[in-house]
C-alpha cells in the first residue's frame, strides 16, 4: 500500500500537505501547480485516500469478479488486455476490494461465483447469450473495452473508429496516399463474424470517401503476429505496393516488421508503418513504431469507478469514451508542429 510519506517524498512537500490536498482541504494555502502535482503523483502511484476506501467499503463493494472474453493464454500474448486487467486490479487493491478472475472457457461462468461478488466487470466483447447470463446472475455489471447495444449497462472504452480516422487524416496530410491495412474479422469463440473489426471498417469507410481505397491493400486474417507477417508479404507483392501500412495492433506490426526486413525494404523510407495500442515493445522496434496509444489501464480503473457509482445508487447508465493519442516515432514521417 502506497503511503502519504512516499507521495510527499516524490513531490517534495510535507506529509501533512499531501494529506490535506488529498482530502480536499480548501483552506490549505498551496499553489494550484503543487496541488495538481500531488494529485497526479497519488494517482500514478495508485493511492486511494481513506475516504475513498471507506466509500467502497461503505457501499458494500468488497468483491469484484473480472469476467474475461479471452483465455489466459490469449491474454498473455496481448499486453493491451494485460494492462486493462492490471488497471482494474490495482484500483481494487488500493480500495481493498477483492478480485476474482474468470477467464473464458467453452462453458459459461459458475452462476454462484457471480452471485457471490458485489459486482462484475466484463472485459472485452461478449455475445448476446453471455450478456443475458450476466444480467441474470450479477448484481451490477460494467463493461470494459466494449459497449453492448443495450443502454442499460455502464461501459468504458476508446473510440477505435475515431482513432483510426485521426491516424488516416494525419498520414494523408503528410503525403501518404497508398495506405494499406492489415487486420482481422471480428470473431467470438473462434467463429468469425460477418463484419471486419472496427478499425478495419473505419479504414474502409474513410479511404473510400477520400477516393483512395484499394481492396487489394485491405487484408484480414487472425489477430496474431504471424498474421501480420503473412498479410504484409501479400500486400507488398502487389504490382503497385503501398507507401504506408496500418496494422490493427502492435502485435501484428511486429510480424509486419519481420516481413518488411526480410524483403529487403526499409522503414519508413520504402514503407511507413503505424499501429494501435502502444505496448511496451513498440518503442524498442527498429525503428521505433508509430502507434495510437489506447488507455488500457485507465479503462480498467474507470470501470471500477463506474461500479462504485452503481453501488451508490446511480440508475442512469453511463457510456464513457476515453481519448486516444498518436505517438509519433521513427516508423513514419512526423507531422509538422502546430
C-alpha atoms as a PDB file:
ATOM      1  CA  UNK A   1       0.000   0.000   0.000  1.00  0.00           C
ATOM      2  CA  UNK A   2       1.391   3.419  -1.007  1.00  0.00           C
ATOM      3  CA  UNK A   3       1.820   5.785   1.939  1.00  0.00           C
ATOM      4  CA  UNK A   4       1.412   9.554   2.244  1.00  0.00           C
ATOM      5  CA  UNK A   5       5.108   9.770   3.094  1.00  0.00           C
ATOM      6  CA  UNK A   6       6.102   8.176  -0.227  1.00  0.00           C
ATOM      7  CA  UNK A   7       3.915  10.639  -2.141  1.00  0.00           C
ATOM      8  CA  UNK A   8       5.333  13.551  -0.127  1.00  0.00           C
ATOM      9  CA  UNK A   9       8.901  12.484  -0.910  1.00  0.00           C
ATOM     10  CA  UNK A  10       8.114  12.173  -4.610  1.00  0.00           C
ATOM     11  CA  UNK A  11       6.608  15.672  -4.803  1.00  0.00           C
ATOM     12  CA  UNK A  12       8.897  17.362  -2.274  1.00  0.00           C
ATOM     13  CA  UNK A  13       6.310  18.504   0.261  1.00  0.00           C
ATOM     14  CA  UNK A  14       5.332  17.528   3.770  1.00  0.00           C
ATOM     15  CA  UNK A  15       3.150  14.547   4.600  1.00  0.00           C
ATOM     16  CA  UNK A  16       0.606  16.901   6.160  1.00  0.00           C
ATOM     17  CA  UNK A  17       0.330  18.870   2.928  1.00  0.00           C
ATOM     18  CA  UNK A  18      -0.285  15.681   0.946  1.00  0.00           C
ATOM     19  CA  UNK A  19      -2.952  14.583   3.413  1.00  0.00           C
ATOM     20  CA  UNK A  20      -4.793  17.882   3.276  1.00  0.00           C
ATOM     21  CA  UNK A  21      -4.699  18.063  -0.534  1.00  0.00           C
ATOM     22  CA  UNK A  22      -5.957  14.507  -0.983  1.00  0.00           C
ATOM     23  CA  UNK A  23      -8.764  15.139   1.479  1.00  0.00           C
ATOM     24  CA  UNK A  24      -9.801  18.282  -0.419  1.00  0.00           C
ATOM     25  CA  UNK A  25      -8.953  20.762   2.326  1.00  0.00           C
ATOM     26  CA  UNK A  26      -9.769  24.073   0.623  1.00  0.00           C
ATOM     27  CA  UNK A  27      -8.308  26.108   3.499  1.00  0.00           C
ATOM     28  CA  UNK A  28      -4.799  24.899   2.676  1.00  0.00           C
ATOM     29  CA  UNK A  29      -2.554  27.571   1.173  1.00  0.00           C
ATOM     30  CA  UNK A  30      -0.783  25.791  -1.690  1.00  0.00           C
ATOM     31  CA  UNK A  31      -0.264  26.692  -5.350  1.00  0.00           C
ATOM     32  CA  UNK A  32      -2.508  25.154  -7.973  1.00  0.00           C
ATOM     33  CA  UNK A  33       0.572  23.657  -9.641  1.00  0.00           C
ATOM     34  CA  UNK A  34       1.696  21.960  -6.438  1.00  0.00           C
ATOM     35  CA  UNK A  35      -1.825  20.720  -5.695  1.00  0.00           C
ATOM     36  CA  UNK A  36      -2.026  19.205  -9.172  1.00  0.00           C
ATOM     37  CA  UNK A  37       1.396  17.575  -8.783  1.00  0.00           C
ATOM     38  CA  UNK A  38       0.284  15.917  -5.533  1.00  0.00           C
ATOM     39  CA  UNK A  39      -2.948  14.596  -7.057  1.00  0.00           C
ATOM     40  CA  UNK A  40      -1.256  13.331 -10.228  1.00  0.00           C
ATOM     41  CA  UNK A  41       1.523  11.639  -8.240  1.00  0.00           C
ATOM     42  CA  UNK A  42      -1.003   9.944  -5.974  1.00  0.00           C
ATOM     43  CA  UNK A  43      -2.944   8.697  -8.999  1.00  0.00           C
ATOM     44  CA  UNK A  44       0.226   7.456 -10.702  1.00  0.00           C
ATOM     45  CA  UNK A  45       1.143   5.531  -7.542  1.00  0.00           C
ATOM     46  CA  UNK A  46      -2.425   4.135  -7.264  1.00  0.00           C
ATOM     47  CA  UNK A  47      -3.021   5.695  -3.871  1.00  0.00           C
ATOM     48  CA  UNK A  48      -6.545   5.680  -2.523  1.00  0.00           C
ATOM     49  CA  UNK A  49      -7.467   8.066   0.264  1.00  0.00           C
ATOM     50  CA  UNK A  50      -9.073   6.683   3.426  1.00  0.00           C
ATOM     51  CA  UNK A  51     -12.215   8.469   2.311  1.00  0.00           C
ATOM     52  CA  UNK A  52     -12.201   6.577  -0.988  1.00  0.00           C
ATOM     53  CA  UNK A  53     -11.528   3.248   0.726  1.00  0.00           C
ATOM     54  CA  UNK A  54     -14.307   3.900   3.206  1.00  0.00           C
ATOM     55  CA  UNK A  55     -16.597   4.833   0.320  1.00  0.00           C
ATOM     56  CA  UNK A  56     -16.002   1.471  -1.343  1.00  0.00           C
ATOM     57  CA  UNK A  57     -16.479  -0.467   1.869  1.00  0.00           C
ATOM     58  CA  UNK A  58     -19.478   1.588   2.896  1.00  0.00           C
ATOM     59  CA  UNK A  59     -21.199   0.878  -0.392  1.00  0.00           C
ATOM     60  CA  UNK A  60     -20.638  -2.845   0.046  1.00  0.00           C
ATOM     61  CA  UNK A  61     -18.144  -3.208  -2.803  1.00  0.00           C
ATOM     62  CA  UNK A  62     -15.850  -5.816  -1.309  1.00  0.00           C
ATOM     63  CA  UNK A  63     -15.509  -8.352  -4.128  1.00  0.00           C
ATOM     64  CA  UNK A  64     -15.400  -7.866  -7.898  1.00  0.00           C
ATOM     65  CA  UNK A  65     -15.476 -10.657 -10.477  1.00  0.00           C
ATOM     66  CA  UNK A  66     -13.462  -9.970 -13.647  1.00  0.00           C
ATOM     67  CA  UNK A  67     -15.163 -11.887 -16.467  1.00  0.00           C
ATOM     68  CA  UNK A  68     -12.738 -12.001 -19.394  1.00  0.00           C
ATOM     69  CA  UNK A  69     -13.583 -12.711 -23.024  1.00  0.00           C
ATOM     70  CA  UNK A  70     -10.122 -14.264 -23.516  1.00  0.00           C
ATOM     71  CA  UNK A  71      -8.487 -17.429 -22.241  1.00  0.00           C
ATOM     72  CA  UNK A  72      -5.386 -16.970 -20.045  1.00  0.00           C
ATOM     73  CA  UNK A  73      -3.029 -17.910 -22.895  1.00  0.00           C
ATOM     74  CA  UNK A  74      -4.731 -15.431 -25.229  1.00  0.00           C
ATOM     75  CA  UNK A  75      -4.454 -12.605 -22.708  1.00  0.00           C
ATOM     76  CA  UNK A  76      -0.799 -13.416 -22.076  1.00  0.00           C
ATOM     77  CA  UNK A  77       0.188 -12.604 -25.664  1.00  0.00           C
ATOM     78  CA  UNK A  78      -1.830  -9.362 -25.758  1.00  0.00           C
ATOM     79  CA  UNK A  79      -0.233  -6.742 -23.470  1.00  0.00           C
ATOM     80  CA  UNK A  80      -3.157  -4.374 -24.078  1.00  0.00           C
ATOM     81  CA  UNK A  81      -5.572  -6.626 -22.199  1.00  0.00           C
ATOM     82  CA  UNK A  82      -2.982  -7.419 -19.545  1.00  0.00           C
ATOM     83  CA  UNK A  83      -2.737  -3.677 -18.905  1.00  0.00           C
ATOM     84  CA  UNK A  84      -6.505  -3.324 -18.765  1.00  0.00           C
ATOM     85  CA  UNK A  85      -6.809  -6.102 -16.194  1.00  0.00           C
ATOM     86  CA  UNK A  86      -3.952  -4.650 -14.138  1.00  0.00           C
ATOM     87  CA  UNK A  87      -5.739  -1.295 -14.141  1.00  0.00           C
ATOM     88  CA  UNK A  88      -8.785  -2.951 -12.584  1.00  0.00           C
ATOM     89  CA  UNK A  89      -6.754  -4.958 -10.085  1.00  0.00           C
ATOM     90  CA  UNK A  90      -4.533  -2.071  -8.971  1.00  0.00           C
ATOM     91  CA  UNK A  91      -7.534   0.197  -8.381  1.00  0.00           C
ATOM     92  CA  UNK A  92      -9.309  -2.541  -6.454  1.00  0.00           C
ATOM     93  CA  UNK A  93      -6.177  -3.253  -4.423  1.00  0.00           C
ATOM     94  CA  UNK A  94      -5.904   0.419  -3.478  1.00  0.00           C
ATOM     95  CA  UNK A  95      -9.535   0.345  -2.330  1.00  0.00           C
ATOM     96  CA  UNK A  96      -9.088  -3.001  -0.528  1.00  0.00           C
ATOM     97  CA  UNK A  97     -11.526  -4.756  -2.835  1.00  0.00           C
ATOM     98  CA  UNK A  98     -11.024  -8.454  -3.525  1.00  0.00           C
ATOM     99  CA  UNK A  99     -10.887  -9.506  -7.188  1.00  0.00           C
ATOM    100  CA  UNK A 100     -11.655 -12.871  -8.740  1.00  0.00           C
ATOM    101  CA  UNK A 101     -10.567 -13.600 -12.326  1.00  0.00           C
ATOM    102  CA  UNK A 102     -12.939 -15.594 -14.535  1.00  0.00           C
ATOM    103  CA  UNK A 103     -11.292 -16.376 -17.866  1.00  0.00           C
ATOM    104  CA  UNK A 104     -13.132 -17.570 -20.944  1.00  0.00           C
ATOM    105  CA  UNK A 105     -13.873 -21.268 -21.378  1.00  0.00           C
ATOM    106  CA  UNK A 106     -16.281 -23.242 -23.513  1.00  0.00           C
ATOM    107  CA  UNK A 107     -18.794 -23.009 -20.673  1.00  0.00           C
ATOM    108  CA  UNK A 108     -20.481 -20.039 -19.053  1.00  0.00           C
ATOM    109  CA  UNK A 109     -19.097 -18.977 -15.649  1.00  0.00           C
ATOM    110  CA  UNK A 110     -20.463 -20.514 -12.480  1.00  0.00           C
ATOM    111  CA  UNK A 111     -23.565 -18.543 -11.533  1.00  0.00           C
ATOM    112  CA  UNK A 112     -22.756 -18.822  -7.817  1.00  0.00           C
ATOM    113  CA  UNK A 113     -19.397 -17.140  -8.384  1.00  0.00           C
ATOM    114  CA  UNK A 114     -21.057 -14.110  -9.956  1.00  0.00           C
ATOM    115  CA  UNK A 115     -23.790 -14.036  -7.334  1.00  0.00           C
ATOM    116  CA  UNK A 116     -21.220 -14.017  -4.525  1.00  0.00           C
ATOM    117  CA  UNK A 117     -19.497 -10.910  -5.940  1.00  0.00           C
ATOM    118  CA  UNK A 118     -20.637  -7.348  -5.259  1.00  0.00           C
ATOM    119  CA  UNK A 119     -20.329  -6.608  -8.958  1.00  0.00           C
ATOM    120  CA  UNK A 120     -18.882  -7.797 -12.251  1.00  0.00           C
ATOM    121  CA  UNK A 121     -16.525  -6.092 -14.685  1.00  0.00           C
ATOM    122  CA  UNK A 122     -16.808  -7.791 -18.070  1.00  0.00           C
ATOM    123  CA  UNK A 123     -13.644  -7.346 -20.136  1.00  0.00           C
ATOM    124  CA  UNK A 124     -13.907  -7.264 -23.928  1.00  0.00           C
ATOM    125  CA  UNK A 125     -16.602  -8.340 -26.348  1.00  0.00           C
ATOM    126  CA  UNK A 126     -19.323 -10.667 -25.061  1.00  0.00           C
ATOM    127  CA  UNK A 127     -22.119 -12.129 -27.169  1.00  0.00           C
ATOM    128  CA  UNK A 128     -25.843 -11.779 -26.500  1.00  0.00           C
ATOM    129  CA  UNK A 129     -26.105 -15.065 -24.605  1.00  0.00           C
ATOM    130  CA  UNK A 130     -23.252 -14.146 -22.271  1.00  0.00           C
ATOM    131  CA  UNK A 131     -24.661 -10.668 -21.680  1.00  0.00           C
ATOM    132  CA  UNK A 132     -28.048 -12.161 -20.823  1.00  0.00           C
ATOM    133  CA  UNK A 133     -26.331 -14.579 -18.419  1.00  0.00           C
ATOM    134  CA  UNK A 134     -24.518 -11.732 -16.687  1.00  0.00           C
ATOM    135  CA  UNK A 135     -27.757  -9.762 -16.454  1.00  0.00           C
ATOM    136  CA  UNK A 136     -29.487 -12.676 -14.723  1.00  0.00           C
ATOM    137  CA  UNK A 137     -26.805 -13.554 -12.200  1.00  0.00           C
ATOM    138  CA  UNK A 138     -24.745 -10.424 -11.443  1.00  0.00           C
ATOM    139  CA  UNK A 139     -25.870  -7.653  -9.115  1.00  0.00           C
ATOM    140  CA  UNK A 140     -24.127  -4.949 -11.129  1.00  0.00           C
ATOM    141  CA  UNK A 141     -22.269  -5.225 -14.454  1.00  0.00           C
ATOM    142  CA  UNK A 142     -19.806  -2.807 -16.049  1.00  0.00           C
ATOM    143  CA  UNK A 143     -18.268  -3.487 -19.465  1.00  0.00           C
ATOM    144  CA  UNK A 144     -14.641  -2.535 -20.113  1.00  0.00           C
ATOM    145  CA  UNK A 145     -13.375  -2.133 -23.693  1.00  0.00           C
ATOM    146  CA  UNK A 146     -16.796  -2.987 -25.076  1.00  0.00           C
ATOM    147  CA  UNK A 147     -20.191  -1.274 -25.177  1.00  0.00           C
ATOM    148  CA  UNK A 148     -23.228  -3.561 -25.600  1.00  0.00           C
ATOM    149  CA  UNK A 149     -26.009  -2.416 -27.884  1.00  0.00           C
ATOM    150  CA  UNK A 150     -28.311  -2.168 -24.871  1.00  0.00           C
ATOM    151  CA  UNK A 151     -28.131   1.115 -22.976  1.00  0.00           C
ATOM    152  CA  UNK A 152     -28.905  -0.450 -19.600  1.00  0.00           C
ATOM    153  CA  UNK A 153     -25.221  -1.172 -18.812  1.00  0.00           C
ATOM    154  CA  UNK A 154     -22.316   1.036 -17.870  1.00  0.00           C
ATOM    155  CA  UNK A 155     -19.344   0.815 -20.210  1.00  0.00           C
ATOM    156  CA  UNK A 156     -15.955   2.412 -20.817  1.00  0.00           C
ATOM    157  CA  UNK A 157     -13.842   2.128 -23.945  1.00  0.00           C
ATOM    158  CA  UNK A 158     -11.811   4.037 -26.525  1.00  0.00           C
ATOM    159  CA  UNK A 159     -13.423   5.109 -29.799  1.00  0.00           C
ATOM    160  CA  UNK A 160     -11.410   2.934 -32.190  1.00  0.00           C
ATOM    161  CA  UNK A 161     -13.151   4.250 -35.296  1.00  0.00           C
ATOM    162  CA  UNK A 162     -12.375   7.853 -34.356  1.00  0.00           C
ATOM    163  CA  UNK A 163      -8.782   6.897 -33.559  1.00  0.00           C
ATOM    164  CA  UNK A 164      -8.449   5.275 -36.998  1.00  0.00           C
ATOM    165  CA  UNK A 165      -9.823   8.330 -38.755  1.00  0.00           C
ATOM    166  CA  UNK A 166      -7.408  10.582 -36.854  1.00  0.00           C
ATOM    167  CA  UNK A 167      -4.464   8.407 -37.884  1.00  0.00           C
ATOM    168  CA  UNK A 168      -5.521   8.263 -41.547  1.00  0.00           C
ATOM    169  CA  UNK A 169      -6.048  12.001 -41.701  1.00  0.00           C
ATOM    170  CA  UNK A 170      -2.605  12.650 -40.229  1.00  0.00           C
ATOM    171  CA  UNK A 171      -0.898  10.196 -42.588  1.00  0.00           C
ATOM    172  CA  UNK A 172      -2.542  11.656 -45.697  1.00  0.00           C
ATOM    173  CA  UNK A 173      -1.649  15.170 -44.592  1.00  0.00           C
ATOM    174  CA  UNK A 174       1.983  14.028 -44.541  1.00  0.00           C
ATOM    175  CA  UNK A 175       1.721  12.875 -48.152  1.00  0.00           C
ATOM    176  CA  UNK A 176       0.947   9.161 -47.837  1.00  0.00           C
ATOM    177  CA  UNK A 177      -1.636   8.043 -50.399  1.00  0.00           C
ATOM    178  CA  UNK A 178      -1.471   4.271 -50.924  1.00  0.00           C
ATOM    179  CA  UNK A 179      -2.168   3.278 -47.345  1.00  0.00           C
ATOM    180  CA  UNK A 180      -2.651  -0.447 -46.744  1.00  0.00           C
ATOM    181  CA  UNK A 181      -4.365  -2.120 -43.803  1.00  0.00           C
ATOM    182  CA  UNK A 182      -3.739  -5.491 -42.122  1.00  0.00           C
ATOM    183  CA  UNK A 183      -6.358  -6.536 -39.576  1.00  0.00           C
ATOM    184  CA  UNK A 184      -8.889  -9.189 -38.730  1.00  0.00           C
ATOM    185  CA  UNK A 185     -12.578 -10.003 -38.877  1.00  0.00           C
ATOM    186  CA  UNK A 186     -14.405  -9.823 -35.568  1.00  0.00           C
ATOM    187  CA  UNK A 187     -14.844 -13.250 -34.051  1.00  0.00           C
ATOM    188  CA  UNK A 188     -16.155 -14.823 -30.902  1.00  0.00           C
ATOM    189  CA  UNK A 189     -15.051 -18.188 -29.589  1.00  0.00           C
ATOM    190  CA  UNK A 190     -13.107 -18.646 -32.821  1.00  0.00           C
ATOM    191  CA  UNK A 191     -16.191 -18.145 -35.003  1.00  0.00           C
ATOM    192  CA  UNK A 192     -15.753 -15.236 -37.496  1.00  0.00           C
ATOM    193  CA  UNK A 193     -18.455 -12.593 -37.605  1.00  0.00           C
ATOM    194  CA  UNK A 194     -19.738 -11.057 -40.810  1.00  0.00           C
ATOM    195  CA  UNK A 195     -18.151  -7.625 -40.250  1.00  0.00           C
ATOM    196  CA  UNK A 196     -14.489  -6.629 -40.168  1.00  0.00           C
ATOM    197  CA  UNK A 197     -13.187  -5.269 -36.871  1.00  0.00           C
ATOM    198  CA  UNK A 198     -13.957  -1.597 -36.070  1.00  0.00           C
ATOM    199  CA  UNK A 199     -10.584  -0.217 -37.156  1.00  0.00           C
ATOM    200  CA  UNK A 200     -10.853  -2.039 -40.453  1.00  0.00           C
ATOM    201  CA  UNK A 201     -14.378  -0.729 -41.054  1.00  0.00           C
ATOM    202  CA  UNK A 202     -13.243   2.813 -40.271  1.00  0.00           C
ATOM    203  CA  UNK A 203     -10.310   2.422 -42.652  1.00  0.00           C
ATOM    204  CA  UNK A 204     -12.546   1.192 -45.487  1.00  0.00           C
ATOM    205  CA  UNK A 205     -15.080   3.994 -44.982  1.00  0.00           C
ATOM    206  CA  UNK A 206     -12.506   6.782 -44.680  1.00  0.00           C
ATOM    207  CA  UNK A 207     -10.350   5.648 -47.605  1.00  0.00           C
ATOM    208  CA  UNK A 208     -13.437   5.200 -49.807  1.00  0.00           C
ATOM    209  CA  UNK A 209     -14.684   8.712 -49.011  1.00  0.00           C
ATOM    210  CA  UNK A 210     -11.199  10.083 -49.743  1.00  0.00           C
ATOM    211  CA  UNK A 211     -11.118   8.269 -53.092  1.00  0.00           C
ATOM    212  CA  UNK A 212      -8.066   6.256 -52.004  1.00  0.00           C
ATOM    213  CA  UNK A 213      -9.490   2.813 -51.249  1.00  0.00           C
ATOM    214  CA  UNK A 214      -7.959  -0.212 -53.000  1.00  0.00           C
ATOM    215  CA  UNK A 215      -9.453  -3.508 -51.826  1.00  0.00           C
ATOM    216  CA  UNK A 216      -6.185  -5.320 -52.685  1.00  0.00           C
ATOM    217  CA  UNK A 217      -4.469  -3.345 -49.914  1.00  0.00           C
ATOM    218  CA  UNK A 218      -7.013  -4.195 -47.190  1.00  0.00           C
ATOM    219  CA  UNK A 219      -6.497  -7.724 -45.906  1.00  0.00           C
ATOM    220  CA  UNK A 220      -7.722  -9.561 -42.820  1.00  0.00           C
ATOM    221  CA  UNK A 221      -6.820 -12.811 -41.134  1.00  0.00           C
ATOM    222  CA  UNK A 222      -6.339 -13.656 -37.452  1.00  0.00           C
ATOM    223  CA  UNK A 223      -5.194 -11.425 -34.606  1.00  0.00           C
ATOM    224  CA  UNK A 224      -1.640 -12.783 -34.371  1.00  0.00           C
ATOM    225  CA  UNK A 225       1.918 -11.690 -35.052  1.00  0.00           C
ATOM    226  CA  UNK A 226       2.212 -14.382 -37.714  1.00  0.00           C
ATOM    227  CA  UNK A 227      -0.850 -12.979 -39.492  1.00  0.00           C
ATOM    228  CA  UNK A 228       0.825  -9.589 -39.568  1.00  0.00           C
ATOM    229  CA  UNK A 229       3.805 -11.225 -41.256  1.00  0.00           C
ATOM    230  CA  UNK A 230       1.776 -13.115 -43.863  1.00  0.00           C
ATOM    231  CA  UNK A 231      -0.583 -10.249 -44.710  1.00  0.00           C
ATOM    232  CA  UNK A 232       2.310  -7.802 -45.085  1.00  0.00           C
ATOM    233  CA  UNK A 233       4.130 -10.088 -47.503  1.00  0.00           C
ATOM    234  CA  UNK A 234       0.927 -10.459 -49.512  1.00  0.00           C
ATOM    235  CA  UNK A 235       0.320  -6.703 -49.570  1.00  0.00           C
ATOM    236  CA  UNK A 236       3.897  -5.982 -50.647  1.00  0.00           C
ATOM    237  CA  UNK A 237       3.629  -8.491 -53.503  1.00  0.00           C
ATOM    238  CA  UNK A 238       1.162  -6.214 -55.307  1.00  0.00           C
ATOM    239  CA  UNK A 239       2.332  -4.703 -58.593  1.00  0.00           C
ATOM    240  CA  UNK A 240       1.814  -1.240 -57.129  1.00  0.00           C
ATOM    241  CA  UNK A 241       2.751  -1.582 -53.435  1.00  0.00           C
ATOM    242  CA  UNK A 242       1.671   0.851 -50.726  1.00  0.00           C
ATOM    243  CA  UNK A 243       3.704   3.670 -49.248  1.00  0.00           C
ATOM    244  CA  UNK A 244       2.272   3.127 -45.746  1.00  0.00           C
ATOM    245  CA  UNK A 245       0.801   0.231 -43.752  1.00  0.00           C
ATOM    246  CA  UNK A 246      -1.533   0.337 -40.776  1.00  0.00           C
ATOM    247  CA  UNK A 247      -1.783  -2.808 -38.673  1.00  0.00           C
ATOM    248  CA  UNK A 248      -4.703  -3.392 -36.335  1.00  0.00           C
ATOM    249  CA  UNK A 249      -2.443  -3.686 -33.288  1.00  0.00           C
ATOM    250  CA  UNK A 250       1.219  -3.696 -32.300  1.00  0.00           C
ATOM    251  CA  UNK A 251       1.460  -7.492 -32.225  1.00  0.00           C
ATOM    252  CA  UNK A 252       0.636  -7.589 -35.927  1.00  0.00           C
ATOM    253  CA  UNK A 253       3.096  -4.754 -36.518  1.00  0.00           C
ATOM    254  CA  UNK A 254       5.899  -6.913 -35.105  1.00  0.00           C
ATOM    255  CA  UNK A 255       5.101  -9.513 -37.759  1.00  0.00           C
ATOM    256  CA  UNK A 256       4.907  -6.782 -40.398  1.00  0.00           C
ATOM    257  CA  UNK A 257       8.386  -5.525 -39.467  1.00  0.00           C
ATOM    258  CA  UNK A 258       9.777  -9.033 -39.903  1.00  0.00           C
ATOM    259  CA  UNK A 259       8.243  -9.352 -43.373  1.00  0.00           C
ATOM    260  CA  UNK A 260       9.450  -5.911 -44.464  1.00  0.00           C
ATOM    261  CA  UNK A 261      13.024  -6.544 -43.323  1.00  0.00           C
ATOM    262  CA  UNK A 262      13.106  -9.997 -44.943  1.00  0.00           C
ATOM    263  CA  UNK A 263      12.034  -8.461 -48.252  1.00  0.00           C
ATOM    264  CA  UNK A 264      14.962  -6.061 -48.107  1.00  0.00           C
ATOM    265  CA  UNK A 265      12.845  -2.949 -47.598  1.00  0.00           C
ATOM    266  CA  UNK A 266      13.451  -0.042 -45.251  1.00  0.00           C
ATOM    267  CA  UNK A 267      11.108   1.513 -42.707  1.00  0.00           C
ATOM    268  CA  UNK A 268       9.968   4.259 -43.265  1.00  0.00           C
ATOM    269  CA  UNK A 269      11.862   5.053 -46.490  1.00  0.00           C
ATOM    270  CA  UNK A 270      10.197   2.280 -48.511  1.00  0.00           C
ATOM    271  CA  UNK A 271       7.173   1.643 -46.321  1.00  0.00           C
ATOM    272  CA  UNK A 272       5.864   3.573 -43.326  1.00  0.00           C
ATOM    273  CA  UNK A 273       4.213   1.540 -40.559  1.00  0.00           C
ATOM    274  CA  UNK A 274       1.694   2.653 -37.949  1.00  0.00           C
ATOM    275  CA  UNK A 275      -0.387   0.674 -35.487  1.00  0.00           C
ATOM    276  CA  UNK A 276      -2.529   0.702 -32.334  1.00  0.00           C
ATOM    277  CA  UNK A 277      -2.138   0.066 -28.576  1.00  0.00           C
ATOM    278  CA  UNK A 278       1.405   1.343 -27.806  1.00  0.00           C
ATOM    279  CA  UNK A 279       2.521  -1.769 -25.955  1.00  0.00           C
ATOM    280  CA  UNK A 280       5.970  -1.623 -24.351  1.00  0.00           C
ATOM    281  CA  UNK A 281       7.760  -3.340 -27.268  1.00  0.00           C
ATOM    282  CA  UNK A 282       6.649  -0.614 -29.724  1.00  0.00           C
ATOM    283  CA  UNK A 283       9.353   1.833 -28.658  1.00  0.00           C
ATOM    284  CA  UNK A 284      12.090  -0.797 -28.950  1.00  0.00           C
ATOM    285  CA  UNK A 285      11.435  -1.923 -32.526  1.00  0.00           C
ATOM    286  CA  UNK A 286      13.890  -0.818 -35.219  1.00  0.00           C
ATOM    287  CA  UNK A 287      12.854   1.834 -35.995  1.00  0.00           C
ATOM    288  CA  UNK A 288      10.532   2.630 -33.049  1.00  0.00           C
ATOM    289  CA  UNK A 289       6.883   2.184 -34.016  1.00  0.00           C
ATOM    290  CA  UNK A 290       4.386   4.988 -34.552  1.00  0.00           C
ATOM    291  CA  UNK A 291       1.245   3.822 -32.777  1.00  0.00           C
ATOM    292  CA  UNK A 292      -2.059   5.046 -31.356  1.00  0.00           C
ATOM    293  CA  UNK A 293      -1.918   4.845 -27.578  1.00  0.00           C
ATOM    294  CA  UNK A 294      -5.125   3.392 -26.173  1.00  0.00           C
ATOM    295  CA  UNK A 295      -5.501   3.955 -22.416  1.00  0.00           C
ATOM    296  CA  UNK A 296      -5.950   0.336 -21.339  1.00  0.00           C
ATOM    297  CA  UNK A 297      -5.101   0.794 -17.648  1.00  0.00           C
ATOM    298  CA  UNK A 298      -7.296   3.883 -17.372  1.00  0.00           C
ATOM    299  CA  UNK A 299     -10.171   1.940 -18.931  1.00  0.00           C
ATOM    300  CA  UNK A 300      -9.792  -0.634 -16.171  1.00  0.00           C
ATOM    301  CA  UNK A 301      -9.593   1.999 -13.426  1.00  0.00           C
ATOM    302  CA  UNK A 302     -12.652   3.826 -14.770  1.00  0.00           C
ATOM    303  CA  UNK A 303     -14.635   0.581 -14.837  1.00  0.00           C
ATOM    304  CA  UNK A 304     -14.066   0.246 -11.071  1.00  0.00           C
ATOM    305  CA  UNK A 305     -15.259   3.816 -10.500  1.00  0.00           C
ATOM    306  CA  UNK A 306     -18.408   3.150 -12.532  1.00  0.00           C
ATOM    307  CA  UNK A 307     -19.095   0.112 -10.397  1.00  0.00           C
ATOM    308  CA  UNK A 308     -18.716   2.225  -7.258  1.00  0.00           C
ATOM    309  CA  UNK A 309     -21.248   4.724  -8.606  1.00  0.00           C
ATOM    310  CA  UNK A 310     -23.723   1.960  -9.337  1.00  0.00           C
ATOM    311  CA  UNK A 311     -23.310   0.612  -5.815  1.00  0.00           C
ATOM    312  CA  UNK A 312     -24.031   4.122  -4.543  1.00  0.00           C
ATOM    313  CA  UNK A 313     -27.423   4.073  -6.247  1.00  0.00           C
ATOM    314  CA  UNK A 314     -26.922   5.669  -9.652  1.00  0.00           C
ATOM    315  CA  UNK A 315     -29.590   4.279 -12.011  1.00  0.00           C
ATOM    316  CA  UNK A 316     -28.911   6.036 -15.318  1.00  0.00           C
ATOM    317  CA  UNK A 317     -26.338   4.120 -17.367  1.00  0.00           C
ATOM    318  CA  UNK A 318     -23.095   5.814 -18.378  1.00  0.00           C
ATOM    319  CA  UNK A 319     -21.052   5.232 -21.519  1.00  0.00           C
ATOM    320  CA  UNK A 320     -17.591   6.704 -21.139  1.00  0.00           C
ATOM    321  CA  UNK A 321     -15.168   7.137 -24.037  1.00  0.00           C
ATOM    322  CA  UNK A 322     -11.523   7.810 -23.199  1.00  0.00           C
ATOM    323  CA  UNK A 323      -9.331   9.667 -25.661  1.00  0.00           C
ATOM    324  CA  UNK A 324      -6.556   8.083 -27.714  1.00  0.00           C
ATOM    325  CA  UNK A 325      -3.231   9.680 -28.625  1.00  0.00           C
ATOM    326  CA  UNK A 326      -0.987   9.155 -31.646  1.00  0.00           C
ATOM    327  CA  UNK A 327       2.618   8.547 -30.558  1.00  0.00           C
ATOM    328  CA  UNK A 328       4.839   9.542 -33.471  1.00  0.00           C
ATOM    329  CA  UNK A 329       8.065   7.590 -33.758  1.00  0.00           C
ATOM    330  CA  UNK A 330      10.574   6.624 -36.427  1.00  0.00           C
ATOM    331  CA  UNK A 331       8.413   4.248 -38.477  1.00  0.00           C
ATOM    332  CA  UNK A 332       6.619   7.164 -40.186  1.00  0.00           C
ATOM    333  CA  UNK A 333       7.224  10.761 -41.099  1.00  0.00           C
ATOM    334  CA  UNK A 334       6.185  13.173 -38.387  1.00  0.00           C
ATOM    335  CA  UNK A 335       3.503  15.864 -38.720  1.00  0.00           C
ATOM    336  CA  UNK A 336       4.571  19.485 -38.835  1.00  0.00           C
ATOM    337  CA  UNK A 337       4.499  21.123 -35.378  1.00  0.00           C
ATOM    338  CA  UNK A 338       1.450  23.281 -34.845  1.00  0.00           C
END
